[in-house]
Amino acid sequence: MLTFRSATENDCCLILKFIRDLAAYEKMADQVVADENLLREWIFEKKKAEVLLACEEGKEVGFALYFHNFSTFLGRAGIYLEDLFVLPEYRGCGYGKALLKELARIAVERNCGRLEWWCLDWNRPSIDFYLSLGAQPMDEWTVYRMTGETLQRLAE
């Protein structure tokens, strides 16, 4: 039976493993610079994100890392899902859907206006899965990002 629990500081190693596994799946393993200390600081000390763990008979089989964002149009917070990952050997069991259902429950419980996330354009299995749940793609929006030296230059 699948159960959920909120991650604790003692789970930083496990969270990092899930992040690395997801990055490998997304062909982005070389981009992971996070380590256990950074996760501990930003998730548990600064409380900038939360992690939901999916457990099958006491074994963690998936995770969702999320945080609150804010919609000025709705005038309330939402939940932004940064990462969702289920171990390959547990896929097809409904655990991804169960994680999203649990996040939806949390969003409704907290009176959030929406639950949203990004998905890589090439990831057809995930896109089809999200569409099957009734999620709507935001085709009219383009994501922009600044990091590293570009971010630093703008800040000066």
Protein backbone atom coordinates (compact mmCIF):
# COMPACT_ATOMS: atom_id res chain seq x y z
CA MET A 1 0.00 0.00 0.00
CA LEU A 2 1.32 3.43 -0.93
CA THR A 3 1.71 5.98 1.84
CA PHE A 4 3.12 9.49 1.97
CA ARG A 5 5.33 11.32 4.39
CA SER A 6 6.98 14.69 4.53
CA ALA A 7 10.73 14.54 4.23
CA THR A 8 12.87 15.45 7.21
CA GLU A 9 16.39 16.77 7.46
CA ASN A 10 17.60 13.17 7.74
CA ASP A 11 16.34 12.55 4.19
CA CYS A 12 18.78 14.92 2.43
CA CYS A 13 20.85 12.03 1.04
CA LEU A 14 17.69 10.36 -0.32
CA ILE A 15 16.38 13.61 -1.80
CA LEU A 16 19.70 14.19 -3.54
CA LYS A 17 19.60 10.65 -4.93
CA PHE A 18 16.11 11.24 -6.36
CA ILE A 19 17.26 14.56 -7.86
CA ARG A 20 20.26 12.87 -9.50
CA ASP A 21 18.10 10.01 -10.80
CA LEU A 22 15.64 12.50 -12.29
CA ALA A 23 18.48 14.54 -13.84
CA ALA A 24 19.89 11.39 -15.43
CA TYR A 25 16.47 10.54 -16.88
CA GLU A 26 16.18 14.10 -18.26
CA LYS A 27 19.72 13.89 -19.72
CA MET A 28 20.84 16.72 -17.44
CA ALA A 29 23.00 14.91 -14.88
CA ASP A 30 25.89 17.29 -15.57
CA GLN A 31 23.76 20.22 -14.37
CA VAL A 32 23.24 18.98 -10.79
CA VAL A 33 25.38 21.03 -8.43
CA ALA A 34 23.19 20.56 -5.36
CA ASP A 35 24.62 18.67 -2.43
CA GLU A 36 23.20 17.50 0.90
CA ASN A 37 24.31 20.65 2.72
CA LEU A 38 22.61 22.96 0.21
CA LEU A 39 19.41 20.91 0.38
CA ARG A 40 19.48 20.96 4.17
CA GLU A 41 19.99 24.72 4.21
CA TRP A 42 17.36 25.68 1.61
CA ILE A 43 14.68 23.08 2.29
CA PHE A 44 14.87 22.59 6.05
CA GLU A 45 16.62 25.62 7.54
CA LYS A 46 15.34 28.38 5.24
CA LYS A 47 12.12 26.44 4.52
CA LYS A 48 12.03 27.45 0.84
CA ALA A 49 10.65 24.12 -0.40
CA GLU A 50 8.94 20.98 0.81
CA VAL A 51 9.41 17.35 -0.17
CA LEU A 52 6.72 14.70 -0.23
CA LEU A 53 7.94 11.10 -0.25
CA ALA A 54 5.90 8.19 -1.61
CA CYS A 55 6.52 4.97 0.28
CA GLU A 56 5.67 1.38 -0.60
CA GLU A 57 5.95 -0.92 2.42
CA GLY A 58 8.34 1.51 4.12
CA LYS A 59 10.59 2.00 1.06
CA GLU A 60 10.72 5.43 -0.55
CA VAL A 61 9.81 4.91 -4.21
CA GLY A 62 9.20 8.46 -5.39
CA PHE A 63 9.23 12.10 -4.46
CA ALA A 64 7.74 15.46 -5.23
CA LEU A 65 9.65 18.65 -4.42
CA TYR A 66 7.43 21.74 -4.35
CA PHE A 67 7.09 25.27 -3.03
CA HIS A 68 4.57 28.07 -2.89
CA ASN A 69 4.37 30.67 -5.61
CA PHE A 70 1.87 33.52 -5.87
CA SER A 71 -0.67 34.55 -8.46
CA THR A 72 -1.42 38.25 -8.47
CA PHE A 73 -4.44 37.60 -10.72
CA LEU A 74 -5.90 35.07 -8.27
CA GLY A 75 -4.69 36.99 -5.23
CA ARG A 76 -3.49 33.83 -3.53
CA ALA A 77 -0.66 31.35 -3.37
CA GLY A 78 -0.33 28.29 -5.53
CA ILE A 79 1.89 25.25 -5.42
CA TYR A 80 4.70 24.93 -7.94
CA LEU A 81 5.90 21.37 -8.46
CA GLU A 82 9.62 21.54 -9.20
CA ASP A 83 10.31 17.80 -9.43
CA LEU A 84 8.24 14.63 -9.58
CA PHE A 85 10.03 11.30 -9.85
CA VAL A 86 9.14 7.65 -9.34
CA LEU A 87 11.81 4.95 -9.42
CA PRO A 88 11.71 3.10 -12.76
CA GLU A 89 10.81 -0.24 -11.21
CA TYR A 90 7.71 1.32 -9.60
CA ARG A 91 6.41 3.14 -12.67
CA GLY A 92 3.08 2.03 -14.09
CA CYS A 93 1.69 1.35 -10.61
CA GLY A 94 -0.17 4.66 -10.32
CA TYR A 95 2.36 6.22 -7.95
CA GLY A 96 2.97 9.33 -10.09
CA LYS A 97 -0.77 9.97 -10.18
CA ALA A 98 -0.99 9.32 -6.45
CA LEU A 99 1.77 11.88 -5.79
CA LEU A 100 -0.06 14.47 -7.91
CA LYS A 101 -3.35 13.68 -6.15
CA GLU A 102 -1.69 14.18 -2.78
CA LEU A 103 -0.22 17.51 -3.95
CA ALA A 104 -3.66 18.54 -5.21
CA ARG A 105 -5.11 17.63 -1.80
CA ILE A 106 -2.44 19.75 -0.08
CA ALA A 107 -3.16 22.65 -2.45
CA VAL A 108 -6.91 22.47 -1.75
CA GLU A 109 -6.32 22.10 2.00
CA ARG A 110 -4.12 25.23 1.95
CA ASN A 111 -6.70 27.09 -0.19
CA CYS A 112 -4.20 27.53 -3.04
CA GLY A 113 -5.42 28.80 -6.38
CA ARG A 114 -3.54 26.33 -8.56
CA LEU A 115 -0.97 23.59 -8.95
CA GLU A 116 1.49 24.00 -11.79
CA TRP A 117 4.76 22.64 -13.18
CA TRP A 118 6.95 22.51 -16.28
CA CYS A 119 7.62 19.53 -18.48
CA LEU A 120 10.35 19.08 -21.05
CA ASP A 121 8.99 19.25 -24.62
CA TRP A 122 10.51 15.89 -25.59
CA ASN A 123 9.07 14.00 -22.61
CA ARG A 124 6.01 12.57 -24.41
CA PRO A 125 5.20 9.91 -21.77
CA SER A 126 4.94 12.59 -19.08
CA ILE A 127 3.03 14.99 -21.34
CA ASP A 128 0.49 12.30 -22.17
CA PHE A 129 0.21 11.40 -18.49
CA TYR A 130 -0.42 15.02 -17.46
CA LEU A 131 -2.98 15.51 -20.23
CA SER A 132 -4.79 12.34 -19.09
CA LEU A 133 -5.23 13.96 -15.68
CA GLY A 134 -6.79 17.07 -17.21
CA ALA A 135 -3.74 19.34 -16.94
CA GLN A 136 -3.62 22.11 -19.51
CA PRO A 137 -0.38 23.09 -21.28
CA MET A 138 0.44 26.79 -21.16
CA ASP A 139 1.52 27.05 -24.80
CA GLU A 140 1.30 30.83 -24.94
CA TRP A 141 4.00 31.32 -22.29
CA THR A 142 7.77 31.21 -22.72
CA VAL A 143 10.01 30.48 -19.78
CA TYR A 144 13.00 32.79 -19.27
CA ARG A 145 15.94 32.16 -16.97
CA MET A 146 19.05 33.93 -15.73
CA THR A 147 21.84 32.18 -13.89
CA GLY A 148 25.51 32.52 -13.12
CA GLU A 149 27.40 35.48 -14.58
CA THR A 150 24.34 36.86 -16.38
CA LEU A 151 22.41 37.02 -13.13
CA GLN A 152 25.40 38.52 -11.34
CA ARG A 153 25.86 41.23 -14.00
CA LEU A 154 22.20 42.26 -13.81
CA ALA A 155 22.42 42.47 -10.02
CA GLU A 156 25.39 44.89 -10.15
